[in-house]
Structures are given as structure tokens and as C-alpha cells.
Amino acid sequence: MFSSYYIKYIKGILDIVFALLAFIVLSPLLILISIYCFINFEGRVFFKQIRIGKNEKSYTIYKFITMRSQSVNGELTDTERSTQAGQFLRKFSLDEIPQIINILKGEMSWIGPRPLLAKYLPYYKNEEKLRHTVKPGISGLAQIKGRNQLNWDNRLALDVTYVKTLSLKHDALIVAKTILILFTKANPVVDPRLLMMDLDEERNHFLLKPQMPFNLRKPTLDDTEQLLEVKNNINAAVTLENDNTGFNIADIKNWINFHNSNSNNDIFVIEHINAKLVIGHAGLYNIQNGMADFGILIGLPTYWNRGIGTTITKQIIAIGFIQHNLNTINLKVLASHSAAIAVYKKIGFKEIDLKPGGTIKNGKPADLLIMQIHKP
């Protein structure tokens, strides 16, 4: 009974009361940050964007600006647009303070699912739409459970859990954990797209094409025959490994055993879940001293040019930065493979060096481009 009163009446009253108190207490800080932004961001102070709130109504969210302006052609990643001034604000979530205005306007709550972009509306599963039955929040259950380090399914599932278990007790716990995280967490993820696709992009590939769900898992000897076909495709090797062909069953078994027993490598097969078909492999090699080499091989032409490589690359980067606490990930790609290079650049990799004749392609020497990405 109390929970229903809390949801219907008390939560909104508390939001307004605490927003007014925060606005008064934080006014000096608001002024200082405004001046700080004005000086560091070419006279700009606020970032404004349309987000989706309760009952799927759109509203304008306010934040302090933390990034440089986008280039004319819009090709800069969030990491490239980031500045030290902006990272400082984001580290302690100071950029979120102007959302007090959204609370006072009745558009947001202190605690609730984070408001997302309007373009995501067509891509929610039915149950996930429950997130829009409450006001969005400055912090929420997903934020204290992993923030942008969660994949979309887990993040949205936590939003649903929040709505189903909404209570004063749970909100209080989220507030306490949010405060704890603010003063103990490491630097936040500057560009979440390093770790995952935008929701619409990801679900265009997977949810709206249910015949093509993919999974990363560790290789086993049961994968030997399928990996044999993958690794013997001479046209597929475009990254770390030379395009050697002529692998036999024994070679593949040795490859599986070696990588599963080598703690400096973290290698996965890419599996089509429904078909139980291995279409490639990807992972991190030579993990040491905060660095590793990235490699990916999709060996079945049927699955080329579908965005699968982009998704897998982002997942492996996330594994490197989060699970292995890497600072730098390197990759090698054929200098002639302009499409792959463009994808890697969009993800955040930068060209570091060119190795003439650095690999063998179609039996001839080929130039290798060395690329690198750093942890935000």
C-alpha cells in the first residue's frame, strides 16, 4: 500500500523538494561550472538534446557541455571530441547537475531509468517499454550496476526491474550507491560506442533480423571442423594473421588447445546461435603490460558486410578495457582494405604506422597498417 502512495504522490513531492534544496545549495557551484565551461568550450555552457520521458513524451534534457563541437562532416568520435576539462566534469558527473531544471519542470526524477534518444523508440521489446511508465532519472539501477559497461539487453532489463520493484527503500539504496560510486569509481567511459553499438544500429542487425543472432564463446575441440573451413578461406584474413591456407584437423586442434591454455591470449569463436555454426573467431593476443593485439577473422563470405565485424570488434574492445584493464589495443589490417580501415577509424582506432610487405596476401607481400586505440 505504501509503495503505491510513494509512486503516485510522495516520490514526485520529494523530487521537487530536494531539487529546490539542491538548486539553492549548489548555486555557487553552478555559477563556477558555467564560467568554467564558457572559458573551455568557446563560450558554450549547456548541452541540450531531445530525450524520451514518461509515457514516451519527448523533452529537452540539459547538461553542462563536456565536448568540442562536432566536425562539419560529423566524423569525430566522442573520444576525439573529449577534452581534459570535459573529462573532469564527467568523472564526478558534474555535467548532470543542470538536470535539476528538468526535475523542477516535472520531466525527470532523481532516480529512474536514464532517458534515451528518441530514435530508439521503435527498437524496444514490449517489456522494455515499461521503462517509459515512470519518469526518467539522473541515476538509476542500471547506472549503479555498470553504467555504459552493460550491454543493451542487460541495461534495459535492469530498467524493467527498477519499474517492477519501485519503492522508497530501493530509491534510497540507489541514491546511497550512486554517491558511493561518485567518489570511488574510475574514469567513466567517454565514448560508450567503443563498447557497444547504438541501440537502433545493434537491433537493426540482430533483433530485427532474428535469423542472425551471434554469440562469443571459448573454442572447443567440437569446433574443429567448422574452424577448419573458416581458417582456410584465403580471402578472409584481413587482420592479424597471415592468410595461410592448408590447415588440417591436427593444426586446428593445436590452435584451439594453444589459445585455451595461453593466459596471454583471450580468443573466442563467433557462433551463429540458431544454426550452431562457427563463422569466425576474434580476440586479444599478447596481453601484457596493459596492452594487447586485436584480431578478427570472419571466414564465411555469407556473413560479410552485415555489421557483424563491427559489433564483435566493439565487444572485444570492451573485454580488453574492462575485464583485462588494458590501456591500449593494437591491430594490423591490410593497407589496401579501405572499408575495414574506415570501420576501425569510426570505432576510434587511429593509424600509427605502415609496414611495407608486412604480411602475405594471395601469395604476395602486402602492406600492413598498424592501428591503435586507447582506453578513454
Protein backbone atom coordinates (compact mmCIF):
# COMPACT_ATOMS: atom_id res chain seq x y z
CA MET A 1 0.00 0.00 0.00
CA PHE A 2 2.74 2.47 0.97
CA SER A 3 4.65 1.74 -2.26
CA SER A 4 1.67 2.77 -4.37
CA TYR A 5 1.33 6.03 -2.39
CA TYR A 6 5.06 6.58 -2.76
CA ILE A 7 4.92 6.10 -6.52
CA LYS A 8 1.79 8.19 -7.02
CA TYR A 9 2.39 11.08 -4.61
CA ILE A 10 5.45 11.01 -2.35
CA LYS A 11 8.17 10.40 -4.96
CA GLY A 12 7.18 13.46 -7.00
CA ILE A 13 6.99 15.68 -3.92
CA LEU A 14 10.41 14.52 -2.73
CA ASP A 15 11.85 15.15 -6.20
CA ILE A 16 10.70 18.78 -6.16
CA VAL A 17 11.73 19.43 -2.56
CA PHE A 18 15.23 18.03 -2.99
CA ALA A 19 15.61 19.70 -6.39
CA LEU A 20 14.82 23.10 -4.84
CA LEU A 21 17.25 22.48 -1.99
CA ALA A 22 19.93 21.29 -4.41
CA PHE A 23 19.41 24.30 -6.67
CA ILE A 24 19.87 26.66 -3.73
CA VAL A 25 22.83 24.84 -2.17
CA LEU A 26 24.59 24.20 -5.50
CA SER A 27 24.01 27.66 -6.98
CA PRO A 28 27.62 28.78 -6.34
CA LEU A 29 28.89 25.57 -7.95
CA LEU A 30 26.51 26.05 -10.91
CA ILE A 31 27.92 29.52 -11.47
CA LEU A 32 31.53 28.31 -11.22
CA ILE A 33 30.97 25.42 -13.65
CA SER A 34 29.15 27.73 -16.05
CA ILE A 35 32.17 30.04 -16.09
CA TYR A 36 34.48 27.00 -16.42
CA CYS A 37 32.52 25.75 -19.46
CA PHE A 38 32.32 29.22 -21.01
CA ILE A 39 36.11 29.52 -20.86
CA ASN A 40 36.93 25.99 -22.01
CA PHE A 41 34.26 25.43 -24.66
CA GLU A 42 34.32 28.51 -26.87
CA GLY A 43 31.64 30.40 -24.97
CA ARG A 44 29.22 27.49 -24.77
CA VAL A 45 27.83 26.36 -21.42
CA PHE A 46 24.96 23.90 -21.89
CA PHE A 47 24.40 20.79 -23.96
CA LYS A 48 20.74 20.32 -24.92
CA GLN A 49 19.21 17.26 -26.57
CA ILE A 50 15.79 15.73 -27.12
CA ARG A 51 15.19 12.66 -24.95
CA ILE A 52 12.17 10.46 -24.26
CA GLY A 53 10.42 10.67 -20.88
CA LYS A 54 7.35 9.25 -19.17
CA ASN A 55 4.61 7.98 -21.49
CA GLU A 56 7.10 8.31 -24.37
CA LYS A 57 6.79 12.10 -24.40
CA SER A 58 9.84 13.97 -25.67
CA TYR A 59 11.54 16.77 -23.74
CA THR A 60 14.83 18.68 -23.78
CA ILE A 61 17.49 17.43 -21.39
CA TYR A 62 20.08 19.86 -20.01
CA LYS A 63 23.72 19.10 -19.23
CA PHE A 64 26.89 21.10 -18.93
CA ILE A 65 28.86 20.91 -22.16
CA THR A 66 31.81 18.50 -21.99
CA MET A 67 32.93 18.09 -25.60
CA ARG A 68 34.24 20.10 -28.51
CA SER A 69 31.91 20.85 -31.39
CA GLN A 70 31.44 18.07 -33.94
CA SER A 71 33.31 18.44 -37.24
CA VAL A 72 31.43 19.63 -40.31
CA ASN A 73 31.20 16.10 -41.72
CA GLY A 74 30.36 14.63 -38.29
CA GLU A 75 33.17 12.05 -38.37
CA LEU A 76 34.75 12.74 -34.96
CA THR A 77 34.12 10.17 -32.23
CA ASP A 78 33.18 11.28 -28.71
CA THR A 79 36.68 10.27 -27.61
CA GLU A 80 38.23 12.62 -30.18
CA ARG A 81 35.89 15.44 -29.14
CA SER A 82 36.63 14.93 -25.45
CA THR A 83 38.85 17.36 -23.53
CA GLN A 84 40.50 17.24 -20.12
CA ALA A 85 38.05 19.89 -18.95
CA GLY A 86 35.12 17.76 -20.05
CA GLN A 87 36.57 14.57 -18.57
CA PHE A 88 36.88 16.30 -15.20
CA LEU A 89 33.19 17.22 -15.25
CA ARG A 90 32.16 13.72 -16.36
CA LYS A 91 34.37 11.96 -13.80
CA PHE A 92 32.28 13.34 -10.94
CA SER A 93 29.04 13.58 -13.01
CA LEU A 94 29.08 17.36 -12.59
CA ASP A 95 27.78 17.66 -16.15
CA GLU A 96 24.48 16.16 -14.95
CA ILE A 97 23.70 18.94 -12.44
CA PRO A 98 21.57 21.07 -14.84
CA GLN A 99 19.06 18.19 -14.94
CA ILE A 100 17.81 19.66 -11.67
CA ILE A 101 15.97 22.02 -14.06
CA ASN A 102 14.31 19.01 -15.70
CA ILE A 103 13.21 17.75 -12.28
CA LEU A 104 11.73 21.13 -11.36
CA LYS A 105 9.87 21.12 -14.68
CA GLY A 106 8.37 17.73 -13.82
CA GLU A 107 10.14 15.97 -16.69
CA MET A 108 12.58 13.89 -14.64
CA SER A 109 13.11 12.32 -11.23
CA TRP A 110 16.24 11.94 -9.14
CA ILE A 111 16.03 8.17 -9.58
CA GLY A 112 14.69 6.29 -12.60
CA PRO A 113 15.77 4.77 -15.92
CA ARG A 114 18.16 7.07 -17.75
CA PRO A 115 16.44 8.97 -20.59
CA LEU A 116 17.48 7.70 -24.01
CA LEU A 117 17.35 9.03 -27.56
CA ALA A 118 14.12 9.41 -29.50
CA LYS A 119 15.47 7.32 -32.38
CA TYR A 120 15.46 4.23 -30.11
CA LEU A 121 11.66 4.17 -29.69
CA PRO A 122 10.93 1.64 -32.49
CA TYR A 123 13.54 -0.78 -31.16
CA TYR A 124 12.35 -1.58 -27.64
CA LYS A 125 10.94 -5.02 -26.85
CA ASN A 126 7.43 -4.94 -25.39
CA GLU A 127 8.54 -5.44 -21.79
CA GLU A 128 11.32 -2.88 -22.15
CA LYS A 129 8.68 -0.24 -22.87
CA LEU A 130 7.85 -0.37 -19.15
CA ARG A 131 10.81 1.97 -18.63
CA HIS A 132 8.61 4.75 -20.03
CA THR A 133 5.85 4.26 -17.47
CA VAL A 134 7.89 6.24 -14.93
CA LYS A 135 9.86 9.46 -15.12
CA PRO A 136 13.48 9.07 -16.26
CA GLY A 137 16.13 9.72 -13.62
CA ILE A 138 19.52 11.30 -13.15
CA SER A 139 20.67 7.97 -11.72
CA GLY A 140 19.11 4.54 -11.74
CA LEU A 141 19.53 0.83 -11.13
CA ALA A 142 21.44 0.28 -14.39
CA GLN A 143 23.84 3.12 -13.54
CA ILE A 144 24.89 1.60 -10.22
CA LYS A 145 25.19 -1.85 -11.82
CA GLY A 146 27.59 -0.93 -14.58
CA ARG A 147 26.51 2.19 -16.44
CA ASN A 148 27.70 2.10 -20.11
CA GLN A 149 29.69 -1.06 -19.48
CA LEU A 150 26.47 -3.09 -19.65
CA ASN A 151 25.17 -4.38 -22.96
CA TRP A 152 21.80 -3.11 -24.10
CA ASP A 153 19.82 -6.21 -23.11
CA ASN A 154 21.13 -6.15 -19.53
CA ARG A 155 20.83 -2.39 -19.20
CA LEU A 156 17.20 -2.33 -20.34
CA ALA A 157 16.37 -5.40 -18.26
CA LEU A 158 17.58 -3.53 -15.17
CA ASP A 159 15.33 -0.61 -16.12
CA VAL A 160 12.38 -3.01 -16.19
CA THR A 161 13.42 -4.47 -12.84
CA TYR A 162 13.53 -0.96 -11.38
CA VAL A 163 10.00 -0.20 -12.53
CA LYS A 164 8.65 -3.50 -11.19
CA THR A 165 10.30 -3.07 -7.78
CA LEU A 166 9.96 0.70 -7.42
CA SER A 167 9.82 1.72 -3.75
CA LEU A 168 11.20 4.28 -1.32
CA LYS A 169 13.63 1.70 0.04
CA HIS A 170 15.03 0.85 -3.39
CA ASP A 171 15.32 4.51 -4.40
CA ALA A 172 17.19 5.26 -1.17
CA LEU A 173 19.61 2.40 -1.84
CA ILE A 174 20.25 3.67 -5.37
CA VAL A 175 20.93 7.18 -4.02
CA ALA A 176 23.41 5.80 -1.48
CA LYS A 177 25.22 3.64 -4.04
CA THR A 178 25.31 6.49 -6.55
CA ILE A 179 27.03 8.74 -4.02
CA LEU A 180 29.50 5.97 -3.20
CA ILE A 181 30.29 5.40 -6.88
CA LEU A 182 30.84 9.12 -7.49
CA PHE A 183 33.70 9.15 -5.01
CA THR A 184 35.20 5.73 -5.70
CA LYS A 185 34.76 4.92 -9.39
CA ALA A 186 37.48 5.02 -12.04
CA ASN A 187 37.24 7.34 -15.03
CA PRO A 188 33.93 6.90 -16.84
CA VAL A 189 33.58 5.59 -20.36
CA VAL A 190 33.86 8.71 -22.53
CA ASP A 191 32.55 7.14 -25.71
CA PRO A 192 30.05 4.32 -24.97
CA ARG A 193 30.09 3.44 -28.67
CA LEU A 194 33.54 1.97 -28.09
CA LEU A 195 31.81 -0.73 -26.09
CA MET A 196 28.56 -1.19 -27.95
CA MET A 197 26.55 -0.02 -30.92
CA ASP A 198 23.74 2.48 -30.64
CA LEU A 199 20.56 0.56 -29.78
CA ASP A 200 18.95 1.16 -33.18
CA GLU A 201 22.07 0.07 -35.04
CA GLU A 202 22.53 -3.08 -32.94
CA ARG A 203 18.92 -4.20 -33.17
CA ASN A 204 18.75 -3.49 -36.87
CA HIS A 205 21.35 -6.22 -37.19
CA PHE A 206 20.11 -8.62 -34.56
CA LEU A 207 16.61 -8.09 -33.15
CA LEU A 208 15.01 -7.11 -36.44
CA LYS A 209 16.81 -10.00 -38.14
CA PRO A 210 16.17 -12.80 -35.65
CA GLN A 211 17.65 -15.33 -38.07
CA MET A 212 21.08 -13.80 -37.39
CA PRO A 213 21.86 -13.81 -33.64
CA PHE A 214 25.55 -14.23 -32.79
CA ASN A 215 27.48 -15.15 -29.70
CA LEU A 216 31.09 -15.05 -28.49
CA ARG A 217 32.31 -18.13 -26.62
CA LYS A 218 35.51 -20.02 -25.99
CA PRO A 219 36.53 -22.54 -28.71
CA THR A 220 36.30 -26.26 -28.02
CA LEU A 221 37.54 -29.29 -29.93
CA ASP A 222 33.96 -29.77 -31.16
CA ASP A 223 34.52 -26.64 -33.28
CA THR A 224 37.46 -28.20 -35.16
CA GLU A 225 35.77 -28.93 -38.49
CA GLN A 226 33.95 -25.59 -38.67
CA LEU A 227 37.10 -23.66 -37.75
CA LEU A 228 38.97 -25.58 -40.45
CA GLU A 229 36.63 -24.13 -43.07
CA VAL A 230 36.86 -20.65 -41.52
CA LYS A 231 40.65 -20.55 -41.37
CA ASN A 232 41.23 -22.00 -44.82
CA ASN A 233 39.40 -19.13 -46.55
CA ILE A 234 42.27 -17.21 -48.17
CA ASN A 235 40.12 -14.12 -48.82
CA ALA A 236 39.03 -13.68 -45.22
CA ALA A 237 42.26 -12.96 -43.32
CA VAL A 238 42.42 -9.17 -43.18
CA THR A 239 43.87 -8.50 -39.73
CA LEU A 240 46.49 -10.12 -37.51
CA GLU A 241 47.11 -13.45 -39.13
CA ASN A 242 48.78 -14.10 -42.48
CA ASP A 243 46.39 -15.73 -44.93
CA ASN A 244 47.99 -19.14 -44.60
CA THR A 245 45.86 -21.93 -46.01
CA GLY A 246 46.22 -25.67 -45.96
CA PHE A 247 45.33 -26.08 -42.30
CA ASN A 248 44.44 -29.64 -41.36
CA ILE A 249 42.48 -31.14 -38.48
CA ALA A 250 45.58 -31.50 -36.30
CA ASP A 251 46.55 -27.85 -36.91
CA ILE A 252 43.14 -26.63 -35.76
CA LYS A 253 43.15 -28.80 -32.65
CA ASN A 254 46.60 -27.49 -31.76
CA TRP A 255 45.37 -23.92 -32.36
CA ILE A 256 42.40 -24.45 -30.02
CA ASN A 257 44.48 -26.06 -27.29
CA PHE A 258 47.21 -23.42 -27.54
CA HIS A 259 44.86 -20.46 -27.19
CA ASN A 260 42.80 -22.03 -24.43
CA SER A 261 45.93 -22.72 -22.38
CA ASN A 262 47.74 -19.43 -23.07
CA SER A 263 46.87 -16.84 -20.41
CA ASN A 264 48.27 -14.05 -22.62
CA ASN A 265 45.56 -14.66 -25.22
CA ASP A 266 41.79 -14.34 -24.87
CA ILE A 267 40.28 -15.83 -28.02
CA PHE A 268 36.63 -16.54 -28.87
CA VAL A 269 34.75 -18.18 -31.69
CA ILE A 270 31.92 -16.22 -33.31
CA GLU A 271 28.91 -18.53 -33.38
CA HIS A 272 25.59 -18.26 -35.16
CA ILE A 273 23.43 -19.33 -32.22
CA ASN A 274 20.42 -20.74 -34.06
CA ALA A 275 22.44 -22.63 -36.67
CA LYS A 276 25.16 -23.69 -34.19
CA LEU A 277 27.60 -22.53 -36.84
CA VAL A 278 31.05 -21.06 -36.20
CA ILE A 279 31.57 -18.26 -38.72
CA GLY A 280 34.87 -16.88 -37.41
CA HIS A 281 36.98 -16.06 -34.41
CA ALA A 282 38.15 -12.90 -32.65
CA GLY A 283 40.06 -11.91 -29.58
CA LEU A 284 43.07 -10.41 -27.89
CA TYR A 285 46.64 -11.65 -28.31
CA ASN A 286 49.84 -10.93 -26.39
CA ILE A 287 48.08 -9.44 -23.36
CA GLN A 288 50.76 -7.87 -21.16
CA ASN A 289 51.73 -4.58 -19.53
CA GLY A 290 48.33 -3.00 -20.22
CA MET A 291 48.49 -3.68 -23.96
CA ALA A 292 47.23 -6.34 -26.38
CA ASP A 293 46.80 -7.04 -30.09
CA PHE A 294 43.31 -7.41 -31.55
CA GLY A 295 42.43 -9.85 -34.29
CA ILE A 296 39.22 -10.88 -36.04
CA LEU A 297 38.52 -13.35 -38.82
CA ILE A 298 35.06 -13.89 -40.31
CA GLY A 299 35.70 -16.79 -42.67
CA LEU A 300 32.31 -17.33 -44.28
CA PRO A 301 31.51 -14.81 -47.07
CA THR A 302 27.76 -15.15 -46.39
CA TYR A 303 28.28 -13.10 -43.23
CA TRP A 304 30.44 -10.31 -44.66
CA ASN A 305 29.21 -6.71 -44.92
CA ARG A 306 26.46 -7.15 -42.33
CA GLY A 307 27.96 -5.14 -39.48
CA ILE A 308 28.87 -8.31 -37.57
CA GLY A 309 32.57 -7.48 -37.53
CA THR A 310 31.88 -4.01 -36.14
CA THR A 311 29.76 -5.41 -33.31
CA ILE A 312 32.28 -8.12 -32.43
CA THR A 313 35.17 -5.64 -32.53
CA LYS A 314 33.41 -3.39 -30.01
CA GLN A 315 32.67 -6.35 -27.75
CA ILE A 316 36.31 -7.46 -27.78
CA ILE A 317 37.46 -3.90 -27.04
CA ALA A 318 35.08 -3.86 -24.08
CA ILE A 319 36.52 -7.14 -22.82
CA GLY A 320 40.02 -5.69 -23.14
CA PHE A 321 39.35 -2.39 -21.38
CA ILE A 322 37.02 -3.74 -18.69
CA GLN A 323 38.00 -7.34 -17.92
CA HIS A 324 41.73 -7.11 -18.68
CA ASN A 325 42.09 -3.45 -17.66
CA LEU A 326 44.06 -2.68 -20.82
CA ASN A 327 45.14 0.84 -21.70
CA THR A 328 45.97 0.23 -25.36
CA ILE A 329 44.78 -2.19 -28.05
CA ASN A 330 46.64 -2.56 -31.35
CA LEU A 331 45.58 -4.14 -34.61
CA LYS A 332 47.06 -4.85 -38.02
CA VAL A 333 44.99 -4.56 -41.17
CA LEU A 334 45.84 -4.73 -44.87
CA ALA A 335 46.64 -1.20 -46.02
CA SER A 336 44.57 -1.87 -49.15
CA HIS A 337 41.46 -2.80 -47.16
CA SER A 338 39.93 0.69 -47.11
CA ALA A 339 36.49 -0.48 -45.93
CA ALA A 340 37.90 -2.18 -42.82
CA ILE A 341 40.14 0.81 -42.08
CA ALA A 342 37.16 3.17 -42.29
CA VAL A 343 35.20 0.99 -39.82
CA TYR A 344 38.10 0.86 -37.37
CA LYS A 345 38.52 4.63 -37.56
CA LYS A 346 34.82 5.12 -36.83
CA ILE A 347 35.17 2.88 -33.78
CA GLY A 348 38.08 5.01 -32.55
CA PHE A 349 41.28 3.40 -33.84
CA LYS A 350 43.98 5.69 -35.23
CA GLU A 351 46.70 4.98 -37.78
CA ILE A 352 50.10 4.54 -36.11
CA ASP A 353 52.49 3.02 -38.66
CA LEU A 354 52.75 1.37 -42.08
CA LYS A 355 54.67 -1.89 -42.53
CA PRO A 356 55.55 -2.37 -46.25
CA GLY A 357 55.40 -6.06 -47.13
CA GLY A 358 54.35 -6.85 -43.58
CA THR A 359 52.18 -9.85 -44.48
CA ILE A 360 51.34 -12.25 -47.29
CA LYS A 361 48.13 -11.86 -49.28
CA ASN A 362 47.26 -14.16 -52.19
CA GLY A 363 50.81 -15.43 -52.13
CA LYS A 364 52.38 -11.98 -52.47
CA PRO A 365 53.81 -9.47 -49.98
CA ALA A 366 51.24 -6.91 -48.84
CA ASP A 367 51.47 -3.74 -46.78
CA LEU A 368 50.12 -3.76 -43.24
CA LEU A 369 48.67 -0.72 -41.50
CA ILE A 370 49.15 -0.58 -37.71
CA MET A 371 46.25 0.99 -35.83
CA GLN A 372 45.73 1.69 -32.13
CA ILE A 373 43.01 2.64 -29.68
CA HIS A 374 43.44 3.87 -26.11
CA LYS A 375 41.20 3.40 -23.11
CA PRO A 376 39.16 6.59 -22.60
